Amino acid sequence: MRTNYFYSLLFALLTSASISVIAAPASKQETASTVPAVTAVAAPQTTMVDINRADAATLQRELLGVGEVKAKAIVAYREANGAFSSVDELLEVKGIGKAILESNREKLKVN
């Protein structure tokens, strides 16, 4: 009886020790000895998109909220109605609303 009790206590002790080793946080000795690196954050490059020359793939890749269908609609509108005279004329394209236009306004240009 005493032997079983002893083994039960030994098992509980070893189990709790292994759990505490696994759950312990990683040693911070490595991070304390390293010198923090200074990184410069580059300003995001804004690629200007000429809506009178860009193909559907470029429009889809460069503009937020413009997928394949909307990009093809922009190209189709341009082919049917001629070149855009202003960026605001994009509102005439089906699927392009004020929110999409405003989120992309700084990227758009008309030549």
N, C-alpha and C. Protein backbone atom coordinates (compact mmCIF):
# COMPACT_ATOMS: atom_id res chain seq x y z
N MET A 1 0.82 -1.19 0.00
CA MET A 1 0.00 0.00 0.00
C MET A 1 0.86 1.26 0.00
N ARG A 2 1.88 1.27 0.87
CA ARG A 2 2.76 2.41 0.93
C ARG A 2 3.51 2.60 -0.39
N THR A 3 3.85 1.53 -1.04
CA THR A 3 4.59 1.61 -2.30
C THR A 3 3.73 2.27 -3.37
N ASN A 4 2.46 1.90 -3.46
CA ASN A 4 1.55 2.51 -4.43
C ASN A 4 1.37 4.00 -4.14
N TYR A 5 1.25 4.36 -2.90
CA TYR A 5 1.12 5.75 -2.51
C TYR A 5 2.37 6.54 -2.90
N PHE A 6 3.53 5.95 -2.64
CA PHE A 6 4.80 6.58 -2.98
C PHE A 6 4.92 6.80 -4.48
N TYR A 7 4.58 5.78 -5.28
CA TYR A 7 4.66 5.91 -6.74
C TYR A 7 3.65 6.94 -7.28
N SER A 8 2.51 7.04 -6.67
CA SER A 8 1.53 8.03 -7.08
C SER A 8 2.05 9.44 -6.83
N LEU A 9 2.66 9.66 -5.67
CA LEU A 9 3.24 10.97 -5.38
C LEU A 9 4.42 11.28 -6.31
N LEU A 10 5.25 10.28 -6.59
CA LEU A 10 6.38 10.47 -7.48
C LEU A 10 5.90 10.81 -8.90
N PHE A 11 4.87 10.13 -9.37
CA PHE A 11 4.30 10.40 -10.69
C PHE A 11 3.74 11.83 -10.75
N ALA A 12 3.02 12.25 -9.72
CA ALA A 12 2.45 13.59 -9.69
C ALA A 12 3.55 14.65 -9.67
N LEU A 13 4.61 14.41 -8.94
CA LEU A 13 5.72 15.35 -8.87
C LEU A 13 6.41 15.48 -10.23
N LEU A 14 6.70 14.37 -10.88
CA LEU A 14 7.37 14.40 -12.18
C LEU A 14 6.47 15.03 -13.26
N THR A 15 5.19 14.76 -13.20
CA THR A 15 4.26 15.33 -14.17
C THR A 15 4.20 16.84 -14.03
N SER A 16 4.09 17.32 -12.81
CA SER A 16 4.02 18.77 -12.61
C SER A 16 5.34 19.44 -12.98
N ALA A 17 6.45 18.77 -12.76
CA ALA A 17 7.75 19.34 -13.14
C ALA A 17 7.88 19.44 -14.66
N SER A 18 7.42 18.41 -15.37
CA SER A 18 7.53 18.46 -16.83
C SER A 18 6.58 19.50 -17.42
N ILE A 19 5.42 19.67 -16.83
CA ILE A 19 4.48 20.68 -17.31
C ILE A 19 5.04 22.08 -17.07
N SER A 20 5.67 22.29 -15.94
CA SER A 20 6.21 23.62 -15.66
C SER A 20 7.39 23.95 -16.58
N VAL A 21 8.15 22.95 -16.99
CA VAL A 21 9.25 23.18 -17.92
C VAL A 21 8.71 23.54 -19.30
N ILE A 22 7.67 22.86 -19.72
CA ILE A 22 7.07 23.12 -21.04
C ILE A 22 6.40 24.49 -21.06
N ALA A 23 5.73 24.86 -19.99
CA ALA A 23 4.98 26.11 -19.95
C ALA A 23 5.84 27.32 -19.60
N ALA A 24 7.09 27.11 -19.20
CA ALA A 24 7.95 28.23 -18.81
C ALA A 24 8.27 29.09 -20.03
N PRO A 25 8.35 30.41 -19.84
CA PRO A 25 8.70 31.28 -20.97
C PRO A 25 10.12 31.05 -21.42
N ALA A 26 10.39 31.38 -22.67
CA ALA A 26 11.73 31.19 -23.23
C ALA A 26 12.72 32.10 -22.53
N SER A 27 13.94 31.70 -22.50
CA SER A 27 15.00 32.47 -21.87
C SER A 27 15.22 33.77 -22.64
N LYS A 28 15.40 34.86 -21.92
CA LYS A 28 15.58 36.17 -22.55
C LYS A 28 17.05 36.56 -22.61
N GLN A 29 17.96 35.62 -22.35
CA GLN A 29 19.37 35.94 -22.39
C GLN A 29 19.80 36.31 -23.81
N GLU A 30 19.25 35.62 -24.78
CA GLU A 30 19.62 35.87 -26.17
C GLU A 30 19.18 37.26 -26.62
N THR A 31 17.98 37.67 -26.25
CA THR A 31 17.49 38.98 -26.69
C THR A 31 18.15 40.11 -25.93
N ALA A 32 18.60 39.86 -24.71
CA ALA A 32 19.23 40.91 -23.93
C ALA A 32 20.62 41.25 -24.48
N SER A 33 21.30 40.27 -25.07
CA SER A 33 22.65 40.51 -25.56
C SER A 33 22.68 41.08 -26.97
N THR A 34 21.59 41.01 -27.67
CA THR A 34 21.59 41.54 -29.03
C THR A 34 21.31 43.03 -29.02
N VAL A 35 21.87 43.72 -29.98
CA VAL A 35 21.68 45.16 -30.12
C VAL A 35 20.46 45.37 -31.01
N PRO A 36 19.50 46.17 -30.58
CA PRO A 36 18.33 46.37 -31.42
C PRO A 36 18.70 47.07 -32.73
N ALA A 37 18.18 46.55 -33.80
CA ALA A 37 18.47 47.12 -35.12
C ALA A 37 17.48 48.25 -35.40
N VAL A 38 17.99 49.28 -36.01
CA VAL A 38 17.14 50.41 -36.39
C VAL A 38 16.77 50.22 -37.85
N THR A 39 15.48 50.17 -38.12
CA THR A 39 15.04 50.01 -39.49
C THR A 39 14.28 51.25 -39.91
N ALA A 40 14.56 51.69 -41.09
CA ALA A 40 13.87 52.86 -41.62
C ALA A 40 12.65 52.37 -42.39
N VAL A 41 11.55 53.00 -42.14
CA VAL A 41 10.32 52.65 -42.85
C VAL A 41 10.23 53.54 -44.07
N ALA A 42 10.26 52.89 -45.21
CA ALA A 42 10.19 53.65 -46.46
C ALA A 42 8.75 54.06 -46.73
N ALA A 43 8.60 55.23 -47.28
CA ALA A 43 7.27 55.69 -47.64
C ALA A 43 6.76 54.83 -48.78
N PRO A 44 5.48 54.44 -48.72
CA PRO A 44 4.97 53.58 -49.77
C PRO A 44 4.99 54.29 -51.12
N GLN A 45 5.44 53.55 -52.10
CA GLN A 45 5.50 54.08 -53.45
C GLN A 45 4.11 54.00 -54.07
N THR A 46 3.59 55.11 -54.51
CA THR A 46 2.30 55.10 -55.17
C THR A 46 2.53 55.10 -56.66
N THR A 47 2.07 54.05 -57.29
CA THR A 47 2.18 53.93 -58.73
C THR A 47 0.99 54.62 -59.35
N MET A 48 1.27 55.57 -60.20
CA MET A 48 0.20 56.28 -60.88
C MET A 48 -0.31 55.42 -62.03
N VAL A 49 -1.62 55.32 -62.14
CA VAL A 49 -2.25 54.52 -63.17
C VAL A 49 -3.00 55.46 -64.11
N ASP A 50 -2.61 55.42 -65.37
CA ASP A 50 -3.31 56.20 -66.39
C ASP A 50 -4.50 55.38 -66.85
N ILE A 51 -5.70 55.83 -66.52
CA ILE A 51 -6.89 55.04 -66.82
C ILE A 51 -7.21 55.01 -68.32
N ASN A 52 -6.56 55.85 -69.10
CA ASN A 52 -6.76 55.82 -70.55
C ASN A 52 -5.81 54.86 -71.25
N ARG A 53 -4.79 54.39 -70.57
CA ARG A 53 -3.80 53.50 -71.20
C ARG A 53 -3.68 52.15 -70.52
N ALA A 54 -4.07 52.03 -69.27
CA ALA A 54 -3.88 50.80 -68.52
C ALA A 54 -4.79 49.70 -69.03
N ASP A 55 -4.23 48.49 -69.07
CA ASP A 55 -5.05 47.34 -69.44
C ASP A 55 -5.76 46.81 -68.20
N ALA A 56 -6.63 45.82 -68.40
CA ALA A 56 -7.44 45.29 -67.30
C ALA A 56 -6.58 44.68 -66.20
N ALA A 57 -5.51 43.99 -66.57
CA ALA A 57 -4.64 43.36 -65.57
C ALA A 57 -3.98 44.41 -64.68
N THR A 58 -3.54 45.51 -65.28
CA THR A 58 -2.91 46.58 -64.50
C THR A 58 -3.91 47.25 -63.57
N LEU A 59 -5.09 47.52 -64.07
CA LEU A 59 -6.13 48.13 -63.23
C LEU A 59 -6.47 47.24 -62.05
N GLN A 60 -6.59 45.94 -62.31
CA GLN A 60 -6.92 44.99 -61.25
C GLN A 60 -5.82 44.93 -60.21
N ARG A 61 -4.58 44.94 -60.64
CA ARG A 61 -3.44 44.81 -59.73
C ARG A 61 -3.20 46.07 -58.91
N GLU A 62 -3.38 47.23 -59.49
CA GLU A 62 -2.98 48.48 -58.85
C GLU A 62 -4.08 49.17 -58.05
N LEU A 63 -5.33 48.91 -58.35
CA LEU A 63 -6.42 49.65 -57.71
C LEU A 63 -7.10 48.82 -56.64
N LEU A 64 -7.38 49.45 -55.51
CA LEU A 64 -8.07 48.79 -54.41
C LEU A 64 -9.55 48.64 -54.74
N GLY A 65 -10.09 47.46 -54.49
CA GLY A 65 -11.51 47.23 -54.71
C GLY A 65 -11.89 46.98 -56.16
N VAL A 66 -10.89 46.87 -57.02
CA VAL A 66 -11.16 46.61 -58.43
C VAL A 66 -10.65 45.21 -58.76
N GLY A 67 -11.60 44.34 -59.05
CA GLY A 67 -11.26 42.98 -59.44
C GLY A 67 -11.30 42.83 -60.94
N GLU A 68 -11.32 41.60 -61.36
CA GLU A 68 -11.28 41.32 -62.80
C GLU A 68 -12.49 41.89 -63.53
N VAL A 69 -13.68 41.73 -62.98
CA VAL A 69 -14.91 42.18 -63.64
C VAL A 69 -14.94 43.71 -63.76
N LYS A 70 -14.59 44.42 -62.69
CA LYS A 70 -14.60 45.88 -62.72
C LYS A 70 -13.50 46.43 -63.64
N ALA A 71 -12.35 45.77 -63.65
CA ALA A 71 -11.26 46.21 -64.52
C ALA A 71 -11.67 46.06 -65.99
N LYS A 72 -12.31 44.95 -66.32
CA LYS A 72 -12.78 44.76 -67.70
C LYS A 72 -13.89 45.74 -68.04
N ALA A 73 -14.71 46.11 -67.06
CA ALA A 73 -15.77 47.09 -67.30
C ALA A 73 -15.18 48.46 -67.59
N ILE A 74 -14.09 48.83 -66.91
CA ILE A 74 -13.43 50.11 -67.17
C ILE A 74 -12.88 50.14 -68.59
N VAL A 75 -12.22 49.05 -68.99
CA VAL A 75 -11.65 48.99 -70.34
C VAL A 75 -12.76 49.01 -71.39
N ALA A 76 -13.84 48.28 -71.15
CA ALA A 76 -14.96 48.24 -72.10
C ALA A 76 -15.62 49.62 -72.22
N TYR A 77 -15.78 50.32 -71.11
CA TYR A 77 -16.36 51.67 -71.14
C TYR A 77 -15.46 52.61 -71.95
N ARG A 78 -14.16 52.49 -71.73
CA ARG A 78 -13.21 53.34 -72.45
C ARG A 78 -13.24 53.06 -73.95
N GLU A 79 -13.35 51.79 -74.33
CA GLU A 79 -13.41 51.44 -75.75
C GLU A 79 -14.71 51.89 -76.40
N ALA A 80 -15.80 51.84 -75.63
CA ALA A 80 -17.11 52.22 -76.18
C ALA A 80 -17.31 53.73 -76.24
N ASN A 81 -16.78 54.47 -75.26
CA ASN A 81 -17.06 55.90 -75.13
C ASN A 81 -15.85 56.80 -75.40
N GLY A 82 -14.73 56.24 -75.69
CA GLY A 82 -13.53 57.04 -75.90
C GLY A 82 -12.78 57.26 -74.60
N ALA A 83 -11.71 58.01 -74.68
CA ALA A 83 -10.84 58.24 -73.53
C ALA A 83 -11.56 59.02 -72.43
N PHE A 84 -11.16 58.74 -71.20
CA PHE A 84 -11.71 59.46 -70.05
C PHE A 84 -11.18 60.90 -70.08
N SER A 85 -12.05 61.85 -69.81
CA SER A 85 -11.61 63.25 -69.76
C SER A 85 -11.19 63.66 -68.35
N SER A 86 -11.69 62.94 -67.34
CA SER A 86 -11.30 63.20 -65.95
C SER A 86 -11.43 61.90 -65.16
N VAL A 87 -10.80 61.90 -64.01
CA VAL A 87 -10.87 60.73 -63.13
C VAL A 87 -12.30 60.52 -62.64
N ASP A 88 -13.04 61.61 -62.45
CA ASP A 88 -14.41 61.51 -61.95
C ASP A 88 -15.35 60.80 -62.93
N GLU A 89 -14.96 60.72 -64.18
CA GLU A 89 -15.77 60.03 -65.17
C GLU A 89 -15.84 58.52 -64.91
N LEU A 90 -14.96 58.01 -64.07
CA LEU A 90 -15.01 56.59 -63.69
C LEU A 90 -16.32 56.23 -63.01
N LEU A 91 -16.98 57.21 -62.42
CA LEU A 91 -18.26 56.96 -61.76
C LEU A 91 -19.33 56.49 -62.75
N GLU A 92 -19.10 56.74 -64.04
CA GLU A 92 -20.06 56.30 -65.06
C GLU A 92 -19.94 54.80 -65.34
N VAL A 93 -18.83 54.18 -64.94
CA VAL A 93 -18.61 52.76 -65.18
C VAL A 93 -19.42 51.96 -64.17
N LYS A 94 -20.13 50.94 -64.66
CA LYS A 94 -20.95 50.11 -63.78
C LYS A 94 -20.04 49.38 -62.78
N GLY A 95 -20.36 49.49 -61.51
CA GLY A 95 -19.60 48.83 -60.45
C GLY A 95 -18.59 49.73 -59.76
N ILE A 96 -18.34 50.90 -60.32
CA ILE A 96 -17.40 51.83 -59.70
C ILE A 96 -18.21 52.92 -58.99
N GLY A 97 -18.09 52.94 -57.69
CA GLY A 97 -18.82 53.94 -56.90
C GLY A 97 -17.88 54.96 -56.29
N LYS A 98 -18.45 55.82 -55.49
CA LYS A 98 -17.67 56.90 -54.87
C LYS A 98 -16.59 56.34 -53.94
N ALA A 99 -16.89 55.27 -53.22
CA ALA A 99 -15.92 54.72 -52.27
C ALA A 99 -14.69 54.19 -52.99
N ILE A 100 -14.87 53.47 -54.07
CA ILE A 100 -13.73 52.94 -54.83
C ILE A 100 -12.95 54.09 -55.45
N LEU A 101 -13.64 55.05 -56.00
CA LEU A 101 -12.97 56.19 -56.62
C LEU A 101 -12.14 56.95 -55.59
N GLU A 102 -12.71 57.24 -54.43
CA GLU A 102 -11.99 58.01 -53.41
C GLU A 102 -10.81 57.23 -52.83
N SER A 103 -10.93 55.92 -52.70
CA SER A 103 -9.82 55.14 -52.15
C SER A 103 -8.65 55.03 -53.13
N ASN A 104 -8.91 55.29 -54.42
CA ASN A 104 -7.86 55.19 -55.43
C ASN A 104 -7.51 56.52 -56.09
N ARG A 105 -8.11 57.60 -55.66
CA ARG A 105 -7.95 58.88 -56.34
C ARG A 105 -6.48 59.30 -56.49
N GLU A 106 -5.67 59.10 -55.45
CA GLU A 106 -4.27 59.54 -55.53
C GLU A 106 -3.44 58.69 -56.48
N LYS A 107 -3.94 57.54 -56.88
CA LYS A 107 -3.22 56.67 -57.81
C LYS A 107 -3.61 56.90 -59.27
N LEU A 108 -4.71 57.59 -59.49
CA LEU A 108 -5.27 57.71 -60.83
C LEU A 108 -4.84 58.99 -61.52
N LYS A 109 -4.63 58.87 -62.82
CA LYS A 109 -4.34 60.04 -63.63
C LYS A 109 -4.96 59.83 -65.02
N VAL A 110 -5.15 60.94 -65.73
CA VAL A 110 -5.71 60.92 -67.06
C VAL A 110 -4.75 61.69 -67.97
N ASN A 111 -4.29 61.05 -69.01
CA ASN A 111 -3.42 61.73 -70.00
C ASN A 111 -4.11 61.79 -71.33
